[in-house]
Amino acid sequence: MKVKTTISISDALLRAIDRKIKSKHYRSQFIETAMWIYLGRKRRNGRKPSDKDIINKHADELNREAEDVLSYQVLL
Protein backbone atom coordinates (compact mmCIF):
# COMPACT_ATOMS: atom_id res chain seq x y z
CA MET A 1 0.00 0.00 0.00
CA LYS A 2 1.33 3.42 -0.91
CA VAL A 3 1.09 6.33 1.53
CA LYS A 4 1.42 9.95 0.51
CA THR A 5 4.06 11.85 2.45
CA THR A 6 6.10 15.00 2.17
CA ILE A 7 9.86 15.17 2.55
CA SER A 8 12.35 18.00 2.32
CA ILE A 9 15.50 17.48 0.27
CA SER A 10 18.05 19.87 -1.10
CA ASP A 11 17.48 21.50 -4.45
CA ALA A 12 20.76 20.01 -5.68
CA LEU A 13 19.64 16.47 -4.81
CA LEU A 14 16.29 17.00 -6.50
CA ARG A 15 18.00 18.21 -9.68
CA ALA A 16 20.33 15.18 -9.60
CA ILE A 17 17.34 12.84 -9.28
CA ASP A 18 15.52 14.59 -12.12
CA ARG A 19 18.55 14.13 -14.36
CA LYS A 20 18.44 10.37 -13.75
CA ILE A 21 14.75 9.78 -14.40
CA LYS A 22 12.70 10.09 -17.58
CA SER A 23 9.83 12.07 -16.10
CA LYS A 24 9.02 13.82 -12.84
CA HIS A 25 6.18 11.31 -12.47
CA TYR A 26 8.82 8.66 -11.67
CA ARG A 27 10.41 10.55 -8.75
CA SER A 28 8.55 8.62 -6.06
CA GLN A 29 9.48 5.25 -7.57
CA PHE A 30 13.12 6.32 -7.93
CA ILE A 31 13.32 7.50 -4.31
CA GLU A 32 11.51 4.40 -2.99
CA THR A 33 13.86 2.09 -4.90
CA ALA A 34 16.91 4.01 -3.68
CA MET A 35 15.73 3.79 -0.08
CA TRP A 36 15.07 0.02 -0.31
CA ILE A 37 18.58 -0.48 -1.69
CA TYR A 38 20.06 1.73 1.06
CA LEU A 39 18.17 -0.08 3.83
CA GLY A 40 19.15 -3.48 2.43
CA ARG A 41 22.81 -2.53 2.43
CA LYS A 42 22.59 -1.16 5.98
CA ARG A 43 20.97 -4.40 7.14
CA ARG A 44 23.61 -6.57 5.43
CA ASN A 45 26.48 -4.41 6.69
CA GLY A 46 25.11 -4.65 10.21
CA ARG A 47 25.15 -8.45 10.06
CA LYS A 48 28.51 -9.23 8.60
CA PRO A 49 31.83 -8.36 10.17
CA SER A 50 34.07 -6.04 8.23
CA ASP A 51 37.31 -7.25 6.68
CA LYS A 52 39.14 -5.30 9.36
CA ASP A 53 37.27 -7.13 12.12
CA ILE A 54 38.09 -10.51 10.58
CA ILE A 55 41.78 -9.65 10.17
CA ASN A 56 42.00 -8.31 13.73
CA LYS A 57 40.37 -11.47 15.07
CA HIS A 58 43.08 -13.58 13.43
CA ALA A 59 45.96 -11.10 13.76
CA ASP A 60 48.16 -13.23 16.02
CA GLU A 61 47.93 -16.27 13.76
CA LEU A 62 48.50 -14.17 10.62
CA ASN A 63 51.53 -12.49 12.17
CA ARG A 64 53.04 -15.86 13.14
CA GLU A 65 52.51 -17.12 9.61
CA ALA A 66 54.11 -13.99 8.14
CA GLU A 67 57.14 -14.36 10.41
CA ASP A 68 57.46 -18.01 9.38
CA VAL A 69 57.36 -17.11 5.68
CA LEU A 70 59.94 -14.36 6.18
CA SER A 71 62.29 -16.85 7.85
CA TYR A 72 62.58 -18.70 4.52
CA GLN A 73 63.73 -15.61 2.61
CA VAL A 74 67.28 -15.59 1.39
CA LEU A 75 69.23 -12.35 1.37
CA LEU A 76 70.62 -11.57 -2.05
PDB file of N, CA and C in Angstrom:
ATOM      1  N   MET A   1       0.838  -1.170   0.000  1.00  0.00           N
ATOM      2  CA  MET A   1       0.000   0.000   0.000  1.00  0.00           C
ATOM      3  C   MET A   1       0.889   1.240   0.000  1.00  0.00           C
ATOM      4  N   LYS A   2       0.573   2.171  -0.826  1.00  0.00           N
ATOM      5  CA  LYS A   2       1.326   3.420  -0.914  1.00  0.00           C
ATOM      6  C   LYS A   2       0.689   4.455   0.016  1.00  0.00           C
ATOM      7  N   VAL A   3       1.536   5.261   0.640  1.00  0.00           N
ATOM      8  CA  VAL A   3       1.090   6.325   1.533  1.00  0.00           C
ATOM      9  C   VAL A   3       1.701   7.619   1.043  1.00  0.00           C
ATOM     10  N   LYS A   4       0.893   8.644   0.918  1.00  0.00           N
ATOM     11  CA  LYS A   4       1.425   9.947   0.514  1.00  0.00           C
ATOM     12  C   LYS A   4       2.140  10.586   1.689  1.00  0.00           C
ATOM     13  N   THR A   5       3.293  11.172   1.410  1.00  0.00           N
ATOM     14  CA  THR A   5       4.063  11.849   2.446  1.00  0.00           C
ATOM     15  C   THR A   5       4.795  13.017   1.818  1.00  0.00           C
ATOM     16  N   THR A   6       5.317  13.864   2.647  1.00  0.00           N
ATOM     17  CA  THR A   6       6.096  15.000   2.170  1.00  0.00           C
ATOM     18  C   THR A   6       7.465  14.935   2.820  1.00  0.00           C
ATOM     19  N   ILE A   7       8.505  15.122   2.019  1.00  0.00           N
ATOM     20  CA  ILE A   7       9.862  15.166   2.550  1.00  0.00           C
ATOM     21  C   ILE A   7      10.532  16.433   2.049  1.00  0.00           C
ATOM     22  N   SER A   8      11.554  16.848   2.750  1.00  0.00           N
ATOM     23  CA  SER A   8      12.346  18.005   2.321  1.00  0.00           C
ATOM     24  C   SER A   8      13.735  17.512   1.953  1.00  0.00           C
ATOM     25  N   ILE A   9      14.154  17.818   0.726  1.00  0.00           N
ATOM     26  CA  ILE A   9      15.498  17.479   0.270  1.00  0.00           C
ATOM     27  C   ILE A   9      16.097  18.706  -0.392  1.00  0.00           C
ATOM     28  N   SER A  10      17.383  18.704  -0.510  1.00  0.00           N
ATOM     29  CA  SER A  10      18.048  19.868  -1.096  1.00  0.00           C
ATOM     30  C   SER A  10      17.693  19.997  -2.573  1.00  0.00           C
ATOM     31  N   ASP A  11      17.740  21.217  -3.045  1.00  0.00           N
ATOM     32  CA  ASP A  11      17.478  21.497  -4.453  1.00  0.00           C
ATOM     33  C   ASP A  11      18.478  20.759  -5.338  1.00  0.00           C
ATOM     34  N   ALA A  12      19.729  20.692  -4.901  1.00  0.00           N
ATOM     35  CA  ALA A  12      20.763  20.013  -5.684  1.00  0.00           C
ATOM     36  C   ALA A  12      20.449  18.522  -5.825  1.00  0.00           C
ATOM     37  N   LEU A  13      19.988  17.885  -4.741  1.00  0.00           N
ATOM     38  CA  LEU A  13      19.640  16.467  -4.810  1.00  0.00           C
ATOM     39  C   LEU A  13      18.445  16.254  -5.731  1.00  0.00           C
ATOM     40  N   LEU A  14      17.462  17.115  -5.637  1.00  0.00           N
ATOM     41  CA  LEU A  14      16.287  17.003  -6.501  1.00  0.00           C
ATOM     42  C   LEU A  14      16.671  17.131  -7.974  1.00  0.00           C
ATOM     43  N   ARG A  15      17.545  18.057  -8.286  1.00  0.00           N
ATOM     44  CA  ARG A  15      18.005  18.214  -9.677  1.00  0.00           C
ATOM     45  C   ARG A  15      18.760  16.968 -10.135  1.00  0.00           C
ATOM     46  N   ALA A  16      19.581  16.395  -9.252  1.00  0.00           N
ATOM     47  CA  ALA A  16      20.331  15.184  -9.602  1.00  0.00           C
ATOM     48  C   ALA A  16      19.376  14.020  -9.874  1.00  0.00           C
ATOM     49  N   ILE A  17      18.340  13.892  -9.063  1.00  0.00           N
ATOM     50  CA  ILE A  17      17.337  12.844  -9.284  1.00  0.00           C
ATOM     51  C   ILE A  17      16.644  13.061 -10.617  1.00  0.00           C
ATOM     52  N   ASP A  18      16.226  14.288 -10.869  1.00  0.00           N
ATOM     53  CA  ASP A  18      15.518  14.589 -12.116  1.00  0.00           C
ATOM     54  C   ASP A  18      16.368  14.303 -13.349  1.00  0.00           C
ATOM     55  N   ARG A  19      17.674  14.447 -13.231  1.00  0.00           N
ATOM     56  CA  ARG A  19      18.553  14.132 -14.364  1.00  0.00           C
ATOM     57  C   ARG A  19      18.602  12.631 -14.630  1.00  0.00           C
ATOM     58  N   LYS A  20      18.354  11.823 -13.613  1.00  0.00           N
ATOM     59  CA  LYS A  20      18.442  10.366 -13.746  1.00  0.00           C
ATOM     60  C   LYS A  20      17.142   9.717 -14.218  1.00  0.00           C
ATOM     61  N   ILE A  21      16.034  10.392 -14.048  1.00  0.00           N
ATOM     62  CA  ILE A  21      14.749   9.783 -14.397  1.00  0.00           C
ATOM     63  C   ILE A  21      14.196  10.386 -15.680  1.00  0.00           C
ATOM     64  N   LYS A  22      13.269   9.649 -16.307  1.00  0.00           N
ATOM     65  CA  LYS A  22      12.703  10.086 -17.583  1.00  0.00           C
ATOM     66  C   LYS A  22      11.660  11.179 -17.404  1.00  0.00           C
ATOM     67  N   SER A  23      10.927  11.125 -16.319  1.00  0.00           N
ATOM     68  CA  SER A  23       9.830  12.068 -16.103  1.00  0.00           C
ATOM     69  C   SER A  23       9.680  12.324 -14.607  1.00  0.00           C
ATOM     70  N   LYS A  24       9.222  13.492 -14.256  1.00  0.00           N
ATOM     71  CA  LYS A  24       9.020  13.821 -12.839  1.00  0.00           C
ATOM     72  C   LYS A  24       7.990  12.905 -12.190  1.00  0.00           C
ATOM     73  N   HIS A  25       7.175  12.238 -13.009  1.00  0.00           N
ATOM     74  CA  HIS A  25       6.179  11.307 -12.471  1.00  0.00           C
ATOM     75  C   HIS A  25       6.838  10.070 -11.860  1.00  0.00           C
ATOM     76  N   TYR A  26       8.106   9.835 -12.179  1.00  0.00           N
ATOM     77  CA  TYR A  26       8.819   8.661 -11.673  1.00  0.00           C
ATOM     78  C   TYR A  26       9.667   8.962 -10.435  1.00  0.00           C
ATOM     79  N   ARG A  27       9.611  10.178  -9.931  1.00  0.00           N
ATOM     80  CA  ARG A  27      10.414  10.550  -8.753  1.00  0.00           C
ATOM     81  C   ARG A  27      10.157   9.630  -7.568  1.00  0.00           C
ATOM     82  N   SER A  28       8.894   9.429  -7.241  1.00  0.00           N
ATOM     83  CA  SER A  28       8.553   8.620  -6.064  1.00  0.00           C
ATOM     84  C   SER A  28       9.113   7.212  -6.186  1.00  0.00           C
ATOM     85  N   GLN A  29       8.966   6.609  -7.364  1.00  0.00           N
ATOM     86  CA  GLN A  29       9.479   5.254  -7.566  1.00  0.00           C
ATOM     87  C   GLN A  29      10.996   5.230  -7.443  1.00  0.00           C
ATOM     88  N   PHE A  30      11.657   6.232  -8.008  1.00  0.00           N
ATOM     89  CA  PHE A  30      13.116   6.318  -7.932  1.00  0.00           C
ATOM     90  C   PHE A  30      13.565   6.412  -6.479  1.00  0.00           C
ATOM     91  N   ILE A  31      12.939   7.298  -5.719  1.00  0.00           N
ATOM     92  CA  ILE A  31      13.321   7.498  -4.313  1.00  0.00           C
ATOM     93  C   ILE A  31      13.005   6.249  -3.491  1.00  0.00           C
ATOM     94  N   GLU A  32      11.856   5.614  -3.735  1.00  0.00           N
ATOM     95  CA  GLU A  32      11.514   4.398  -2.994  1.00  0.00           C
ATOM     96  C   GLU A  32      12.529   3.288  -3.283  1.00  0.00           C
ATOM     97  N   THR A  33      12.877   3.108  -4.539  1.00  0.00           N
ATOM     98  CA  THR A  33      13.864   2.087  -4.903  1.00  0.00           C
ATOM     99  C   THR A  33      15.208   2.374  -4.247  1.00  0.00           C
ATOM    100  N   ALA A  34      15.632   3.632  -4.293  1.00  0.00           N
ATOM    101  CA  ALA A  34      16.912   4.013  -3.684  1.00  0.00           C
ATOM    102  C   ALA A  34      16.905   3.734  -2.183  1.00  0.00           C
ATOM    103  N   MET A  35      15.803   4.012  -1.523  1.00  0.00           N
ATOM    104  CA  MET A  35      15.726   3.786  -0.083  1.00  0.00           C
ATOM    105  C   MET A  35      15.723   2.295   0.251  1.00  0.00           C
ATOM    106  N   TRP A  36      15.046   1.467  -0.551  1.00  0.00           N
ATOM    107  CA  TRP A  36      15.072   0.020  -0.314  1.00  0.00           C
ATOM    108  C   TRP A  36      16.482  -0.521  -0.471  1.00  0.00           C
ATOM    109  N   ILE A  37      17.189  -0.048  -1.486  1.00  0.00           N
ATOM    110  CA  ILE A  37      18.579  -0.475  -1.689  1.00  0.00           C
ATOM    111  C   ILE A  37      19.433  -0.050  -0.501  1.00  0.00           C
ATOM    112  N   TYR A  38      19.288   1.198  -0.073  1.00  0.00           N
ATOM    113  CA  TYR A  38      20.058   1.728   1.060  1.00  0.00           C
ATOM    114  C   TYR A  38      19.789   0.910   2.325  1.00  0.00           C
ATOM    115  N   LEU A  39      18.519   0.666   2.620  1.00  0.00           N
ATOM    116  CA  LEU A  39      18.173  -0.079   3.832  1.00  0.00           C
ATOM    117  C   LEU A  39      18.672  -1.522   3.769  1.00  0.00           C
ATOM    118  N   GLY A  40      18.622  -2.126   2.596  1.00  0.00           N
ATOM    119  CA  GLY A  40      19.147  -3.485   2.433  1.00  0.00           C
ATOM    120  C   GLY A  40      20.636  -3.543   2.704  1.00  0.00           C
ATOM    121  N   ARG A  41      21.358  -2.566   2.197  1.00  0.00           N
ATOM    122  CA  ARG A  41      22.807  -2.527   2.432  1.00  0.00           C
ATOM    123  C   ARG A  41      23.115  -2.304   3.903  1.00  0.00           C
ATOM    124  N   LYS A  42      22.378  -1.411   4.545  1.00  0.00           N
ATOM    125  CA  LYS A  42      22.594  -1.164   5.976  1.00  0.00           C
ATOM    126  C   LYS A  42      22.342  -2.442   6.775  1.00  0.00           C
ATOM    127  N   ARG A  43      21.300  -3.167   6.419  1.00  0.00           N
ATOM    128  CA  ARG A  43      20.974  -4.401   7.137  1.00  0.00           C
ATOM    129  C   ARG A  43      22.081  -5.434   6.937  1.00  0.00           C
ATOM    130  N   ARG A  44      22.540  -5.602   5.696  1.00  0.00           N
ATOM    131  CA  ARG A  44      23.614  -6.570   5.427  1.00  0.00           C
ATOM    132  C   ARG A  44      24.902  -6.162   6.118  1.00  0.00           C
ATOM    133  N   ASN A  45      25.239  -4.880   6.064  1.00  0.00           N
ATOM    134  CA  ASN A  45      26.476  -4.413   6.690  1.00  0.00           C
ATOM    135  C   ASN A  45      26.425  -4.551   8.201  1.00  0.00           C
ATOM    136  N   GLY A  46      25.254  -4.480   8.767  1.00  0.00           N
ATOM    137  CA  GLY A  46      25.113  -4.653  10.208  1.00  0.00           C
ATOM    138  C   GLY A  46      25.289  -6.096  10.635  1.00  0.00           C
ATOM    139  N   ARG A  47      25.060  -7.026   9.734  1.00  0.00           N
ATOM    140  CA  ARG A  47      25.146  -8.453  10.056  1.00  0.00           C
ATOM    141  C   ARG A  47      26.539  -9.013   9.908  1.00  0.00           C
ATOM    142  N   LYS A  48      27.238  -8.580   8.882  1.00  0.00           N
ATOM    143  CA  LYS A  48      28.515  -9.234   8.599  1.00  0.00           C
ATOM    144  C   LYS A  48      29.678  -8.412   9.135  1.00  0.00           C
ATOM    145  N   PRO A  49      30.658  -9.092   9.672  1.00  0.00           N
ATOM    146  CA  PRO A  49      31.830  -8.359  10.173  1.00  0.00           C
ATOM    147  C   PRO A  49      32.623  -7.770   9.006  1.00  0.00           C
ATOM    148  N   SER A  50      33.253  -6.667   9.262  1.00  0.00           N
ATOM    149  CA  SER A  50      34.066  -6.040   8.226  1.00  0.00           C
ATOM    150  C   SER A  50      35.356  -6.831   8.038  1.00  0.00           C
ATOM    151  N   ASP A  51      36.023  -6.597   6.924  1.00  0.00           N
ATOM    152  CA  ASP A  51      37.311  -7.252   6.677  1.00  0.00           C
ATOM    153  C   ASP A  51      38.285  -6.942   7.810  1.00  0.00           C
ATOM    154  N   LYS A  52      38.246  -5.702   8.276  1.00  0.00           N
ATOM    155  CA  LYS A  52      39.144  -5.297   9.361  1.00  0.00           C
ATOM    156  C   LYS A  52      38.882  -6.121  10.620  1.00  0.00           C
ATOM    157  N   ASP A  53      37.613  -6.332  10.937  1.00  0.00           N
ATOM    158  CA  ASP A  53      37.266  -7.131  12.120  1.00  0.00           C
ATOM    159  C   ASP A  53      37.773  -8.564  11.991  1.00  0.00           C
ATOM    160  N   ILE A  54      37.632  -9.137  10.802  1.00  0.00           N
ATOM    161  CA  ILE A  54      38.090 -10.514  10.575  1.00  0.00           C
ATOM    162  C   ILE A  54      39.603 -10.599  10.706  1.00  0.00           C
ATOM    163  N   ILE A  55      40.308  -9.656  10.092  1.00  0.00           N
ATOM    164  CA  ILE A  55      41.777  -9.646  10.169  1.00  0.00           C
ATOM    165  C   ILE A  55      42.231  -9.474  11.612  1.00  0.00           C
ATOM    166  N   ASN A  56      41.620  -8.537  12.331  1.00  0.00           N
ATOM    167  CA  ASN A  56      41.999  -8.310  13.728  1.00  0.00           C
ATOM    168  C   ASN A  56      41.753  -9.546  14.589  1.00  0.00           C
ATOM    169  N   LYS A  57      40.680 -10.261  14.306  1.00  0.00           N
ATOM    170  CA  LYS A  57      40.368 -11.468  15.074  1.00  0.00           C
ATOM    171  C   LYS A  57      41.463 -12.522  14.907  1.00  0.00           C
ATOM    172  N   HIS A  58      42.064 -12.573  13.726  1.00  0.00           N
ATOM    173  CA  HIS A  58      43.079 -13.584  13.426  1.00  0.00           C
ATOM    174  C   HIS A  58      44.485 -12.995  13.345  1.00  0.00           C
ATOM    175  N   ALA A  59      44.689 -11.815  13.900  1.00  0.00           N
ATOM    176  CA  ALA A  59      45.964 -11.098  13.755  1.00  0.00           C
ATOM    177  C   ALA A  59      47.152 -11.896  14.279  1.00  0.00           C
ATOM    178  N   ASP A  60      47.028 -12.488  15.443  1.00  0.00           N
ATOM    179  CA  ASP A  60      48.164 -13.232  16.017  1.00  0.00           C
ATOM    180  C   ASP A  60      48.589 -14.380  15.104  1.00  0.00           C
ATOM    181  N   GLU A  61      47.628 -15.143  14.645  1.00  0.00           N
ATOM    182  CA  GLU A  61      47.931 -16.269  13.757  1.00  0.00           C
ATOM    183  C   GLU A  61      48.534 -15.775  12.440  1.00  0.00           C
ATOM    184  N   LEU A  62      47.971 -14.716  11.874  1.00  0.00           N
ATOM    185  CA  LEU A  62      48.496 -14.170  10.618  1.00  0.00           C
ATOM    186  C   LEU A  62      49.914 -13.639  10.790  1.00  0.00           C
ATOM    187  N   ASN A  63      50.181 -13.002  11.919  1.00  0.00           N
ATOM    188  CA  ASN A  63      51.531 -12.488  12.171  1.00  0.00           C
ATOM    189  C   ASN A  63      52.542 -13.625  12.324  1.00  0.00           C
ATOM    190  N   ARG A  64      52.147 -14.694  13.016  1.00  0.00           N
ATOM    191  CA  ARG A  64      53.042 -15.858  13.144  1.00  0.00           C
ATOM    192  C   ARG A  64      53.338 -16.458  11.771  1.00  0.00           C
ATOM    193  N   GLU A  65      52.326 -16.565  10.957  1.00  0.00           N
ATOM    194  CA  GLU A  65      52.509 -17.116   9.612  1.00  0.00           C
ATOM    195  C   GLU A  65      53.425 -16.226   8.775  1.00  0.00           C
ATOM    196  N   ALA A  66      53.255 -14.917   8.881  1.00  0.00           N
ATOM    197  CA  ALA A  66      54.111 -13.986   8.137  1.00  0.00           C
ATOM    198  C   ALA A  66      55.564 -14.101   8.589  1.00  0.00           C
ATOM    199  N   GLU A  67      55.782 -14.203   9.896  1.00  0.00           N
ATOM    200  CA  GLU A  67      57.145 -14.360  10.410  1.00  0.00           C
ATOM    201  C   GLU A  67      57.761 -15.670   9.916  1.00  0.00           C
ATOM    202  N   ASP A  68      56.970 -16.726   9.873  1.00  0.00           N
ATOM    203  CA  ASP A  68      57.463 -18.009   9.378  1.00  0.00           C
ATOM    204  C   ASP A  68      57.873 -17.898   7.911  1.00  0.00           C
ATOM    205  N   VAL A  69      57.051 -17.274   7.104  1.00  0.00           N
ATOM    206  CA  VAL A  69      57.358 -17.107   5.681  1.00  0.00           C
ATOM    207  C   VAL A  69      58.623 -16.278   5.508  1.00  0.00           C
ATOM    208  N   LEU A  70      58.756 -15.218   6.288  1.00  0.00           N
ATOM    209  CA  LEU A  70      59.942 -14.362   6.184  1.00  0.00           C
ATOM    210  C   LEU A  70      61.218 -15.108   6.567  1.00  0.00           C
ATOM    211  N   SER A  71      61.093 -16.105   7.439  1.00  0.00           N
ATOM    212  CA  SER A  71      62.294 -16.851   7.851  1.00  0.00           C
ATOM    213  C   SER A  71      62.878 -17.678   6.706  1.00  0.00           C
ATOM    214  N   TYR A  72      62.101 -17.935   5.673  1.00  0.00           N
ATOM    215  CA  TYR A  72      62.580 -18.696   4.518  1.00  0.00           C
ATOM    216  C   TYR A  72      63.223 -17.813   3.450  1.00  0.00           C
ATOM    217  N   GLN A  73      63.134 -16.503   3.609  1.00  0.00           N
ATOM    218  CA  GLN A  73      63.727 -15.614   2.608  1.00  0.00           C
ATOM    219  C   GLN A  73      65.248 -15.678   2.659  1.00  0.00           C
ATOM    220  N   VAL A  74      65.824 -15.587   1.503  1.00  0.00           N
ATOM    221  CA  VAL A  74      67.282 -15.594   1.387  1.00  0.00           C
ATOM    222  C   VAL A  74      67.719 -14.195   0.998  1.00  0.00           C
ATOM    223  N   LEU A  75      68.703 -13.671   1.714  1.00  0.00           N
ATOM    224  CA  LEU A  75      69.227 -12.351   1.366  1.00  0.00           C
ATOM    225  C   LEU A  75      70.063 -12.466   0.103  1.00  0.00           C
ATOM    226  N   LEU A  76      69.865 -11.558  -0.802  1.00  0.00           N
ATOM    227  CA  LEU A  76      70.624 -11.570  -2.055  1.00  0.00           C
ATOM    228  C   LEU A  76      71.712 -10.535  -2.016  1.00  0.00           C
TER     229      LEU A  76
END
